[in-house]
């Protein structure tokens, strides 16, 4: 089985996340996409992040009704910071024999050499990099010089070019503006019902 893995803070999950998942699934003929909300994202340690259980519930709502989508609470259950290399090791043990494809943005791929154990990340999974507005296409030759072997383990997608950010969505909610065009309807309802992002 070919499994796509899409991690993130998902604060909140938005239509861009789903568009990226669909494009990766289509282009790489993936059998399933597993969404993995971060428990305690180490790269956002200095930022305020919504409680993990709320983010987990929102991504469950966002992906409901699609048989080829599932949600893993692996990082939410794990104590301490969430590190991608640890998650991939656990998932390889959980899905022995399956091909893993870790989906991330162009910007995250460019910064991957500074992540914890990038060599273990590319050993565990192929990388699938999706564009974002304002991000430059990664230079695989330059990345390969810093993380040997990464170029052969990376697929660069050229669409969809996502112009949606969770930061902007939180700001719109804070200002009392509608976000129903940016998040799935069940997520918009959850945000409203729970008074999220108001302060």
N, C-alpha and C. Protein backbone atom coordinates (compact mmCIF):
# COMPACT_ATOMS: atom_id res chain seq x y z
N UNK A 1 0.84 -1.20 0.00
CA UNK A 1 0.00 0.00 0.00
C UNK A 1 0.88 1.25 0.00
N UNK A 2 0.41 2.27 -0.69
CA UNK A 2 1.14 3.54 -0.76
C UNK A 2 0.42 4.56 0.14
N UNK A 3 1.09 4.96 1.20
CA UNK A 3 0.47 5.85 2.19
C UNK A 3 1.07 7.25 2.11
N UNK A 4 0.21 8.25 1.97
CA UNK A 4 0.64 9.64 2.07
C UNK A 4 0.48 10.09 3.51
N UNK A 5 1.45 10.82 4.02
CA UNK A 5 1.43 11.29 5.39
C UNK A 5 1.49 12.81 5.38
N UNK A 6 0.47 13.45 5.92
CA UNK A 6 0.43 14.91 5.94
C UNK A 6 0.36 15.39 7.38
N UNK A 7 1.48 15.88 7.86
CA UNK A 7 1.55 16.40 9.22
C UNK A 7 1.37 17.90 9.24
N UNK A 8 1.15 18.43 10.42
CA UNK A 8 1.01 19.87 10.56
C UNK A 8 0.38 20.24 11.88
N UNK A 9 0.35 21.52 12.15
CA UNK A 9 -0.29 21.99 13.36
C UNK A 9 -1.81 21.94 13.22
N UNK A 10 -2.30 22.21 12.01
CA UNK A 10 -3.74 22.19 11.72
C UNK A 10 -4.50 23.07 12.72
N UNK A 11 -4.11 24.34 12.75
CA UNK A 11 -4.67 25.28 13.72
C UNK A 11 -5.22 26.53 13.02
N UNK A 12 -6.30 26.40 12.19
CA UNK A 12 -7.11 25.21 11.94
C UNK A 12 -6.73 24.52 10.64
N UNK A 13 -7.26 23.30 10.41
CA UNK A 13 -7.12 22.69 9.08
C UNK A 13 -7.95 23.48 8.08
N UNK A 14 -7.43 23.66 6.87
CA UNK A 14 -8.14 24.48 5.89
C UNK A 14 -8.18 23.80 4.53
N UNK A 15 -8.86 24.47 3.59
CA UNK A 15 -9.06 23.87 2.26
C UNK A 15 -7.73 23.62 1.55
N UNK A 16 -6.71 24.41 1.87
CA UNK A 16 -5.40 24.20 1.26
C UNK A 16 -4.81 22.85 1.62
N UNK A 17 -4.96 22.45 2.89
CA UNK A 17 -4.47 21.14 3.31
C UNK A 17 -5.13 20.03 2.50
N UNK A 18 -6.43 20.15 2.29
CA UNK A 18 -7.17 19.12 1.57
C UNK A 18 -6.82 19.11 0.08
N UNK A 19 -6.58 20.29 -0.48
CA UNK A 19 -6.19 20.37 -1.89
C UNK A 19 -4.83 19.71 -2.11
N UNK A 20 -3.90 19.96 -1.20
CA UNK A 20 -2.57 19.34 -1.30
C UNK A 20 -2.69 17.83 -1.20
N UNK A 21 -3.49 17.36 -0.24
CA UNK A 21 -3.67 15.92 -0.06
C UNK A 21 -4.25 15.28 -1.32
N UNK A 22 -5.24 15.93 -1.92
CA UNK A 22 -5.87 15.38 -3.13
C UNK A 22 -4.90 15.34 -4.30
N UNK A 23 -4.10 16.40 -4.45
CA UNK A 23 -3.15 16.44 -5.56
C UNK A 23 -2.08 15.37 -5.39
N UNK A 24 -1.57 15.20 -4.18
CA UNK A 24 -0.56 14.17 -3.93
C UNK A 24 -1.15 12.78 -4.16
N UNK A 25 -2.38 12.58 -3.72
CA UNK A 25 -3.03 11.28 -3.89
C UNK A 25 -3.20 10.95 -5.37
N UNK A 26 -3.60 11.95 -6.13
CA UNK A 26 -3.83 11.75 -7.56
C UNK A 26 -2.53 11.54 -8.32
N UNK A 27 -1.55 12.40 -8.08
CA UNK A 27 -0.30 12.34 -8.83
C UNK A 27 0.51 11.07 -8.53
N UNK A 28 0.47 10.62 -7.28
CA UNK A 28 1.32 9.50 -6.87
C UNK A 28 0.53 8.21 -6.68
N UNK A 29 -0.76 8.24 -7.03
CA UNK A 29 -1.61 7.06 -6.91
C UNK A 29 -1.55 6.48 -5.49
N UNK A 30 -1.71 7.34 -4.51
CA UNK A 30 -1.66 6.91 -3.12
C UNK A 30 -2.97 6.23 -2.74
N UNK A 31 -2.88 5.19 -1.93
CA UNK A 31 -4.07 4.46 -1.50
C UNK A 31 -4.78 5.17 -0.35
N UNK A 32 -4.01 5.86 0.47
CA UNK A 32 -4.61 6.51 1.63
C UNK A 32 -3.75 7.69 2.05
N UNK A 33 -4.40 8.70 2.63
CA UNK A 33 -3.69 9.83 3.22
C UNK A 33 -3.95 9.80 4.73
N UNK A 34 -2.88 9.82 5.50
CA UNK A 34 -2.98 9.87 6.96
C UNK A 34 -2.61 11.28 7.42
N UNK A 35 -3.53 11.96 8.07
CA UNK A 35 -3.29 13.30 8.61
C UNK A 35 -2.78 13.16 10.04
N UNK A 36 -1.69 13.87 10.35
CA UNK A 36 -1.04 13.70 11.64
C UNK A 36 -0.86 15.06 12.32
N UNK A 37 -1.82 15.47 13.14
CA UNK A 37 -1.65 16.75 13.86
C UNK A 37 -0.52 16.65 14.88
N UNK A 38 0.31 17.69 14.92
CA UNK A 38 1.42 17.73 15.86
C UNK A 38 0.91 17.91 17.29
N UNK A 39 1.54 17.21 18.21
CA UNK A 39 1.19 17.39 19.61
C UNK A 39 1.76 18.71 20.12
N UNK A 40 3.07 18.78 20.16
CA UNK A 40 3.78 19.99 20.59
C UNK A 40 4.82 20.30 19.52
N UNK A 41 4.47 21.12 18.51
CA UNK A 41 5.40 21.37 17.40
C UNK A 41 6.67 22.08 17.87
N UNK A 42 7.82 21.45 17.71
CA UNK A 42 9.07 22.04 18.21
C UNK A 42 9.42 23.32 17.46
N UNK A 43 9.01 23.43 16.19
CA UNK A 43 9.34 24.64 15.43
C UNK A 43 8.48 25.83 15.83
N UNK A 44 7.41 25.57 16.61
CA UNK A 44 6.53 26.65 17.04
C UNK A 44 6.49 26.74 18.56
N UNK A 45 7.61 26.36 19.18
CA UNK A 45 7.66 26.31 20.64
C UNK A 45 7.39 27.66 21.28
N UNK A 46 7.74 28.75 20.59
CA UNK A 46 7.56 30.09 21.16
C UNK A 46 6.21 30.71 20.80
N UNK A 47 5.38 29.97 20.07
CA UNK A 47 4.09 30.51 19.61
C UNK A 47 2.94 29.88 20.38
N UNK A 48 1.84 30.60 20.45
CA UNK A 48 0.64 30.07 21.08
C UNK A 48 -0.06 29.14 20.09
N UNK A 49 -0.33 27.93 20.53
CA UNK A 49 -0.99 26.93 19.68
C UNK A 49 -2.21 26.40 20.42
N UNK A 50 -3.30 26.20 19.69
CA UNK A 50 -4.51 25.68 20.32
C UNK A 50 -4.27 24.29 20.90
N UNK A 51 -5.04 23.91 21.93
CA UNK A 51 -4.88 22.58 22.53
C UNK A 51 -4.93 21.47 21.49
N UNK A 52 -4.10 20.47 21.68
CA UNK A 52 -3.98 19.38 20.71
C UNK A 52 -5.31 18.68 20.47
N UNK A 53 -6.11 18.50 21.50
CA UNK A 53 -7.37 17.78 21.33
C UNK A 53 -8.33 18.54 20.43
N UNK A 54 -8.30 19.87 20.49
CA UNK A 54 -9.15 20.66 19.61
C UNK A 54 -8.68 20.56 18.17
N UNK A 55 -7.38 20.61 17.96
CA UNK A 55 -6.85 20.50 16.60
C UNK A 55 -7.10 19.11 16.03
N UNK A 56 -7.01 18.10 16.89
CA UNK A 56 -7.29 16.73 16.48
C UNK A 56 -8.76 16.59 16.06
N UNK A 57 -9.65 17.17 16.83
CA UNK A 57 -11.07 17.09 16.49
C UNK A 57 -11.38 17.82 15.19
N UNK A 58 -10.73 18.96 14.98
CA UNK A 58 -10.98 19.72 13.75
C UNK A 58 -10.52 18.96 12.51
N UNK A 59 -9.36 18.29 12.59
CA UNK A 59 -8.90 17.57 11.41
C UNK A 59 -9.76 16.33 11.18
N UNK A 60 -10.30 15.76 12.22
CA UNK A 60 -11.25 14.65 12.05
C UNK A 60 -12.51 15.13 11.34
N UNK A 61 -13.00 16.30 11.73
CA UNK A 61 -14.17 16.87 11.07
C UNK A 61 -13.88 17.20 9.60
N UNK A 62 -12.69 17.73 9.34
CA UNK A 62 -12.31 18.14 7.99
C UNK A 62 -12.20 16.97 7.03
N UNK A 63 -11.83 15.80 7.54
CA UNK A 63 -11.57 14.64 6.67
C UNK A 63 -12.69 13.60 6.71
N UNK A 64 -13.73 13.86 7.49
CA UNK A 64 -14.83 12.89 7.61
C UNK A 64 -15.51 12.65 6.26
N UNK A 65 -15.91 11.42 6.03
CA UNK A 65 -16.64 11.11 4.80
C UNK A 65 -15.78 10.64 3.65
N UNK A 66 -14.45 10.69 3.80
CA UNK A 66 -13.55 10.21 2.75
C UNK A 66 -12.92 8.91 3.23
N UNK A 67 -13.23 7.82 2.57
CA UNK A 67 -12.74 6.51 3.01
C UNK A 67 -11.23 6.39 2.92
N UNK A 68 -10.61 7.18 2.04
CA UNK A 68 -9.16 7.11 1.87
C UNK A 68 -8.42 8.12 2.75
N UNK A 69 -9.13 8.78 3.64
CA UNK A 69 -8.50 9.66 4.63
C UNK A 69 -8.59 9.00 6.00
N UNK A 70 -7.55 9.17 6.80
CA UNK A 70 -7.59 8.77 8.19
C UNK A 70 -6.77 9.77 9.00
N UNK A 71 -6.97 9.76 10.30
CA UNK A 71 -6.28 10.69 11.20
C UNK A 71 -5.55 9.89 12.26
N UNK A 72 -4.29 10.22 12.49
CA UNK A 72 -3.48 9.56 13.52
C UNK A 72 -3.26 10.52 14.68
N UNK A 73 -3.47 10.02 15.90
CA UNK A 73 -3.20 10.84 17.09
C UNK A 73 -1.85 10.49 17.70
N UNK A 74 -0.99 9.87 16.89
CA UNK A 74 0.32 9.42 17.36
C UNK A 74 1.11 10.54 18.04
N UNK A 75 1.20 11.70 17.40
CA UNK A 75 2.00 12.79 17.96
C UNK A 75 1.29 13.46 19.13
N UNK A 76 -0.03 13.46 19.12
CA UNK A 76 -0.79 14.04 20.23
C UNK A 76 -0.58 13.22 21.49
N UNK A 77 -0.52 11.89 21.34
CA UNK A 77 -0.33 11.00 22.48
C UNK A 77 1.09 11.01 23.00
N UNK A 78 2.05 11.29 22.13
CA UNK A 78 3.46 11.24 22.53
C UNK A 78 3.81 12.45 23.40
N UNK A 79 4.40 12.25 24.57
CA UNK A 79 4.79 13.39 25.41
C UNK A 79 5.98 14.14 24.82
N UNK A 80 6.06 15.42 25.13
CA UNK A 80 7.19 16.22 24.66
C UNK A 80 7.02 16.70 23.24
N UNK A 81 8.04 17.34 22.68
CA UNK A 81 7.97 17.90 21.33
C UNK A 81 7.76 16.82 20.26
N UNK A 82 7.12 17.21 19.15
CA UNK A 82 6.88 16.29 18.04
C UNK A 82 8.02 16.42 17.02
N UNK A 83 8.70 15.31 16.77
CA UNK A 83 9.78 15.30 15.79
C UNK A 83 9.40 14.35 14.65
N UNK A 84 9.54 14.81 13.42
CA UNK A 84 9.12 14.04 12.26
C UNK A 84 9.84 12.70 12.17
N UNK A 85 11.13 12.68 12.44
CA UNK A 85 11.86 11.43 12.28
C UNK A 85 11.32 10.35 13.22
N UNK A 86 10.91 10.74 14.44
CA UNK A 86 10.35 9.77 15.37
C UNK A 86 9.01 9.25 14.86
N UNK A 87 8.20 10.17 14.37
CA UNK A 87 6.88 9.80 13.85
C UNK A 87 7.02 8.81 12.70
N UNK A 88 7.93 9.08 11.78
CA UNK A 88 8.10 8.19 10.63
C UNK A 88 8.60 6.82 11.06
N UNK A 89 9.47 6.76 12.05
CA UNK A 89 9.94 5.47 12.54
C UNK A 89 8.79 4.67 13.12
N UNK A 90 7.92 5.33 13.87
CA UNK A 90 6.77 4.63 14.46
C UNK A 90 5.79 4.17 13.38
N UNK A 91 5.59 5.00 12.37
CA UNK A 91 4.67 4.63 11.31
C UNK A 91 5.21 3.49 10.45
N UNK A 92 6.52 3.45 10.25
CA UNK A 92 7.11 2.34 9.50
C UNK A 92 6.88 1.02 10.25
N UNK A 93 6.96 1.08 11.58
CA UNK A 93 6.70 -0.12 12.38
C UNK A 93 5.21 -0.48 12.35
N UNK A 94 4.37 0.55 12.29
CA UNK A 94 2.92 0.34 12.29
C UNK A 94 2.42 -0.19 10.94
N UNK A 95 3.10 0.23 9.85
CA UNK A 95 2.69 -0.19 8.51
C UNK A 95 3.87 -0.88 7.80
N UNK A 96 4.29 -2.03 8.30
CA UNK A 96 5.46 -2.70 7.68
C UNK A 96 5.16 -3.10 6.24
N UNK A 97 6.11 -2.82 5.38
CA UNK A 97 5.94 -3.18 3.98
C UNK A 97 5.27 -2.13 3.13
N UNK A 98 4.62 -1.15 3.74
CA UNK A 98 3.96 -0.09 2.98
C UNK A 98 4.97 0.98 2.56
N UNK A 99 4.71 1.62 1.44
CA UNK A 99 5.54 2.74 0.99
C UNK A 99 5.00 4.02 1.61
N UNK A 100 5.87 4.79 2.27
CA UNK A 100 5.45 6.02 2.94
C UNK A 100 5.89 7.23 2.13
N UNK A 101 4.97 8.20 1.98
CA UNK A 101 5.24 9.44 1.27
C UNK A 101 4.89 10.60 2.19
N UNK A 102 5.91 11.31 2.63
CA UNK A 102 5.71 12.41 3.56
C UNK A 102 5.48 13.71 2.78
N UNK A 103 4.31 14.29 2.95
CA UNK A 103 3.90 15.48 2.19
C UNK A 103 4.22 16.73 2.99
N UNK A 104 4.87 17.69 2.35
CA UNK A 104 5.22 18.95 3.01
C UNK A 104 5.26 20.06 1.98
N UNK A 105 5.39 21.29 2.45
CA UNK A 105 5.44 22.43 1.54
C UNK A 105 6.84 22.67 1.01
N UNK A 106 6.92 23.41 -0.10
CA UNK A 106 8.24 23.78 -0.64
C UNK A 106 9.10 24.45 0.43
N UNK A 107 8.49 25.33 1.22
CA UNK A 107 9.25 26.05 2.25
C UNK A 107 9.81 25.10 3.29
N UNK A 108 9.01 24.10 3.69
CA UNK A 108 9.49 23.14 4.68
C UNK A 108 10.58 22.23 4.12
N UNK A 109 10.46 21.88 2.85
CA UNK A 109 11.51 21.06 2.24
C UNK A 109 12.83 21.82 2.24
N UNK A 110 12.77 23.11 1.92
CA UNK A 110 14.00 23.92 1.90
C UNK A 110 14.66 23.96 3.27
N UNK A 111 13.86 23.97 4.33
CA UNK A 111 14.42 24.06 5.69
C UNK A 111 14.69 22.68 6.30
N UNK A 112 14.36 21.61 5.59
CA UNK A 112 14.49 20.28 6.17
C UNK A 112 15.90 19.93 6.65
N UNK A 113 16.98 20.42 6.01
CA UNK A 113 18.31 20.11 6.54
C UNK A 113 18.52 20.57 7.99
N UNK A 114 17.74 21.53 8.46
CA UNK A 114 17.89 21.99 9.84
C UNK A 114 16.99 21.22 10.81
N UNK A 115 16.17 20.31 10.30
CA UNK A 115 15.31 19.50 11.16
C UNK A 115 16.15 18.45 11.89
N UNK A 116 15.57 17.84 12.89
CA UNK A 116 16.26 16.77 13.60
C UNK A 116 16.35 15.53 12.71
N UNK A 117 17.57 15.03 12.52
CA UNK A 117 17.85 13.80 11.78
C UNK A 117 17.19 13.74 10.39
N UNK A 118 17.50 14.68 9.51
CA UNK A 118 16.92 14.63 8.16
C UNK A 118 17.29 13.36 7.40
N UNK A 119 18.46 12.78 7.73
CA UNK A 119 18.87 11.54 7.07
C UNK A 119 17.91 10.40 7.40
N UNK A 120 17.43 10.36 8.64
CA UNK A 120 16.48 9.32 9.02
C UNK A 120 15.11 9.55 8.37
N UNK A 121 14.79 10.82 8.16
CA UNK A 121 13.51 11.14 7.52
C UNK A 121 13.48 10.59 6.10
N UNK A 122 14.55 10.83 5.32
CA UNK A 122 14.53 10.37 3.93
C UNK A 122 14.73 8.87 3.82
N UNK A 123 15.28 8.25 4.85
CA UNK A 123 15.38 6.79 4.84
C UNK A 123 14.00 6.16 5.05
N UNK A 124 13.18 6.83 5.86
CA UNK A 124 11.88 6.27 6.23
C UNK A 124 10.80 6.52 5.18
N UNK A 125 10.90 7.63 4.45
CA UNK A 125 9.82 8.00 3.52
C UNK A 125 10.35 8.81 2.35
N UNK A 126 9.65 8.71 1.23
CA UNK A 126 9.87 9.63 0.13
C UNK A 126 9.21 10.96 0.51
N UNK A 127 9.73 12.06 -0.01
CA UNK A 127 9.19 13.37 0.28
C UNK A 127 8.39 13.87 -0.92
N UNK A 128 7.28 14.50 -0.63
CA UNK A 128 6.43 15.07 -1.68
C UNK A 128 6.23 16.53 -1.32
N UNK A 129 6.80 17.43 -2.11
CA UNK A 129 6.80 18.86 -1.79
C UNK A 129 5.79 19.61 -2.65
N UNK A 130 4.88 20.32 -1.98
CA UNK A 130 3.83 21.07 -2.67
C UNK A 130 4.12 22.57 -2.60
N UNK A 131 3.78 23.31 -3.67
CA UNK A 131 4.06 24.75 -3.69
C UNK A 131 3.16 25.55 -2.77
N UNK A 132 3.67 26.69 -2.35
CA UNK A 132 2.88 27.67 -1.61
C UNK A 132 3.18 29.04 -2.19
N UNK A 133 2.18 29.89 -2.25
CA UNK A 133 2.39 31.25 -2.75
C UNK A 133 3.48 31.92 -1.93
N UNK A 134 4.45 32.52 -2.63
CA UNK A 134 5.54 33.19 -1.95
C UNK A 134 6.75 32.32 -1.69
N UNK A 135 6.63 31.01 -1.94
CA UNK A 135 7.76 30.10 -1.73
C UNK A 135 8.48 29.85 -3.05
N UNK A 136 9.78 29.73 -2.97
CA UNK A 136 10.60 29.44 -4.15
C UNK A 136 10.75 27.94 -4.31
N UNK A 137 10.70 27.48 -5.56
CA UNK A 137 10.88 26.04 -5.81
C UNK A 137 12.22 25.58 -5.23
N UNK A 138 12.21 24.52 -4.44
CA UNK A 138 13.46 24.05 -3.81
C UNK A 138 14.50 23.63 -4.83
N UNK A 139 15.74 23.89 -4.51
CA UNK A 139 16.87 23.49 -5.34
C UNK A 139 17.35 22.13 -4.83
N UNK A 140 16.97 21.07 -5.52
CA UNK A 140 17.30 19.72 -5.06
C UNK A 140 18.81 19.47 -5.07
N UNK A 141 19.52 20.09 -6.02
CA UNK A 141 20.97 19.92 -6.06
C UNK A 141 21.61 20.50 -4.80
N UNK A 142 21.16 21.69 -4.41
CA UNK A 142 21.70 22.32 -3.20
C UNK A 142 21.31 21.51 -1.96
N UNK A 143 20.08 21.03 -1.91
CA UNK A 143 19.64 20.22 -0.77
C UNK A 143 20.42 18.92 -0.68
N UNK A 144 20.72 18.34 -1.84
CA UNK A 144 21.44 17.07 -1.84
C UNK A 144 22.86 17.22 -1.30
N UNK A 145 23.42 18.40 -1.46
CA UNK A 145 24.75 18.65 -0.91
C UNK A 145 24.72 18.69 0.62
N UNK A 146 23.56 19.05 1.17
CA UNK A 146 23.43 19.16 2.63
C UNK A 146 22.87 17.88 3.24
N UNK A 147 22.00 17.20 2.50
CA UNK A 147 21.43 15.93 2.96
C UNK A 147 21.59 14.93 1.82
N UNK A 148 22.71 14.24 1.76
CA UNK A 148 22.97 13.33 0.64
C UNK A 148 21.85 12.30 0.45
N UNK A 149 21.38 12.20 -0.80
CA UNK A 149 20.34 11.24 -1.13
C UNK A 149 18.94 11.82 -1.16
N UNK A 150 18.79 13.07 -0.73
CA UNK A 150 17.44 13.64 -0.64
C UNK A 150 16.82 13.86 -2.02
N UNK A 151 17.63 14.20 -3.01
CA UNK A 151 17.09 14.48 -4.35
C UNK A 151 16.40 13.25 -4.93
N UNK A 152 17.00 12.09 -4.74
CA UNK A 152 16.44 10.85 -5.28
C UNK A 152 15.18 10.41 -4.54
N UNK A 153 14.96 11.01 -3.38
CA UNK A 153 13.82 10.61 -2.54
C UNK A 153 12.73 11.67 -2.51
N UNK A 154 12.79 12.64 -3.45
CA UNK A 154 11.86 13.77 -3.41
C UNK A 154 11.11 13.92 -4.73
N UNK A 155 9.81 14.16 -4.60
CA UNK A 155 8.96 14.49 -5.75
C UNK A 155 8.49 15.93 -5.55
N UNK A 156 8.73 16.78 -6.56
CA UNK A 156 8.30 18.18 -6.49
C UNK A 156 6.98 18.33 -7.24
N UNK A 157 5.93 18.73 -6.53
CA UNK A 157 4.66 19.04 -7.18
C UNK A 157 4.67 20.50 -7.64
N UNK A 158 3.98 20.79 -8.72
CA UNK A 158 3.91 22.16 -9.21
C UNK A 158 2.54 22.79 -9.00
N UNK A 159 1.60 22.00 -8.50
CA UNK A 159 0.26 22.49 -8.18
C UNK A 159 -0.35 21.58 -7.11
N UNK A 160 -1.35 22.05 -6.38
CA UNK A 160 -1.92 23.40 -6.45
C UNK A 160 -1.05 24.39 -5.69
N UNK A 161 -1.06 25.65 -6.16
CA UNK A 161 -0.30 26.70 -5.46
C UNK A 161 -1.22 27.29 -4.39
N UNK A 162 -0.94 26.97 -3.15
CA UNK A 162 -1.85 27.30 -2.05
C UNK A 162 -1.62 28.72 -1.56
N UNK A 163 -2.72 29.48 -1.50
CA UNK A 163 -2.66 30.85 -0.98
C UNK A 163 -3.61 30.97 0.21
N UNK A 164 -3.54 29.99 1.10
CA UNK A 164 -4.36 29.97 2.31
C UNK A 164 -3.43 29.70 3.47
N UNK A 165 -3.57 30.44 4.55
CA UNK A 165 -2.74 30.18 5.72
C UNK A 165 -3.60 30.16 6.97
N UNK A 166 -3.23 29.28 7.90
CA UNK A 166 -3.94 29.20 9.17
C UNK A 166 -3.80 30.50 9.95
N UNK A 167 -2.66 31.16 9.82
CA UNK A 167 -2.44 32.44 10.52
C UNK A 167 -3.48 33.47 10.06
N UNK A 168 -3.68 33.57 8.75
CA UNK A 168 -4.65 34.53 8.21
C UNK A 168 -6.07 34.17 8.64
N UNK A 169 -6.37 32.87 8.69
CA UNK A 169 -7.71 32.43 9.10
C UNK A 169 -7.95 32.82 10.56
N UNK A 170 -6.98 32.60 11.42
CA UNK A 170 -7.14 32.98 12.83
C UNK A 170 -7.36 34.47 12.97
N UNK A 171 -6.65 35.25 12.16
CA UNK A 171 -6.80 36.70 12.22
C UNK A 171 -8.19 37.13 11.77
N UNK A 172 -8.72 36.50 10.73
CA UNK A 172 -10.06 36.82 10.25
C UNK A 172 -11.10 36.52 11.33
N UNK A 173 -10.96 35.37 11.98
CA UNK A 173 -11.89 35.02 13.06
C UNK A 173 -11.82 36.05 14.18
N UNK A 174 -10.60 36.45 14.50
CA UNK A 174 -10.39 37.44 15.57
C UNK A 174 -11.09 38.75 15.24
N UNK A 175 -11.14 39.07 13.94
CA UNK A 175 -11.77 40.31 13.50
C UNK A 175 -13.27 40.15 13.23
N UNK A 176 -13.79 38.94 13.46
CA UNK A 176 -15.20 38.70 13.24
C UNK A 176 -15.59 38.51 11.79
N UNK A 177 -14.61 38.20 10.93
CA UNK A 177 -14.85 38.01 9.50
C UNK A 177 -15.18 36.54 9.20
N UNK A 178 -15.95 36.28 8.14
CA UNK A 178 -16.29 34.89 7.80
C UNK A 178 -15.08 34.12 7.26
N UNK A 179 -15.03 32.83 7.59
CA UNK A 179 -13.93 31.98 7.10
C UNK A 179 -14.48 30.70 6.45
N UNK A 180 -15.79 30.66 6.21
CA UNK A 180 -16.41 29.45 5.68
C UNK A 180 -15.90 29.09 4.29
N UNK A 181 -15.30 30.04 3.58
CA UNK A 181 -14.75 29.75 2.26
C UNK A 181 -13.31 29.22 2.35
N UNK A 182 -12.74 29.24 3.55
CA UNK A 182 -11.34 28.85 3.73
C UNK A 182 -11.18 27.54 4.50
N UNK A 183 -12.22 27.13 5.21
CA UNK A 183 -12.17 25.88 5.97
C UNK A 183 -13.41 25.05 5.64
N UNK A 184 -13.34 23.73 5.80
CA UNK A 184 -14.54 22.92 5.57
C UNK A 184 -15.66 23.35 6.52
N UNK A 185 -16.92 23.29 6.08
CA UNK A 185 -18.04 23.74 6.91
C UNK A 185 -18.06 23.18 8.32
N UNK A 186 -17.78 21.88 8.54
CA UNK A 186 -17.79 21.39 9.92
C UNK A 186 -16.72 22.06 10.80
N UNK A 187 -15.60 22.42 10.18
CA UNK A 187 -14.54 23.10 10.93
C UNK A 187 -14.97 24.52 11.28
N UNK A 188 -15.61 25.21 10.34
CA UNK A 188 -16.11 26.55 10.61
C UNK A 188 -17.12 26.51 11.76
N UNK A 189 -17.97 25.49 11.76
CA UNK A 189 -18.94 25.35 12.84
C UNK A 189 -18.28 25.08 14.17
N UNK A 190 -17.23 24.27 14.17
CA UNK A 190 -16.51 23.95 15.41
C UNK A 190 -15.82 25.19 15.97
N UNK A 191 -15.19 25.96 15.09
CA UNK A 191 -14.51 27.19 15.52
C UNK A 191 -15.50 28.14 16.17
N UNK A 192 -16.66 28.31 15.54
CA UNK A 192 -17.68 29.21 16.07
C UNK A 192 -18.25 28.70 17.39
N UNK A 193 -18.59 27.41 17.45
CA UNK A 193 -19.22 26.84 18.63
C UNK A 193 -18.30 26.86 19.84
N UNK A 194 -16.99 26.80 19.60
CA UNK A 194 -16.03 26.75 20.70
C UNK A 194 -15.35 28.09 20.97
N UNK A 195 -15.79 29.13 20.25
CA UNK A 195 -15.22 30.45 20.47
C UNK A 195 -13.73 30.53 20.25
N UNK A 196 -13.22 29.78 19.29
CA UNK A 196 -11.78 29.73 19.07
C UNK A 196 -11.28 31.01 18.40
N UNK A 197 -10.01 31.32 18.68
CA UNK A 197 -9.26 32.41 18.04
C UNK A 197 -9.85 33.79 18.31
N UNK A 198 -10.65 33.92 19.34
CA UNK A 198 -11.28 35.21 19.61
C UNK A 198 -10.39 36.18 20.38
N UNK A 199 -9.49 35.64 21.22
CA UNK A 199 -8.66 36.54 22.02
C UNK A 199 -7.24 36.59 21.50
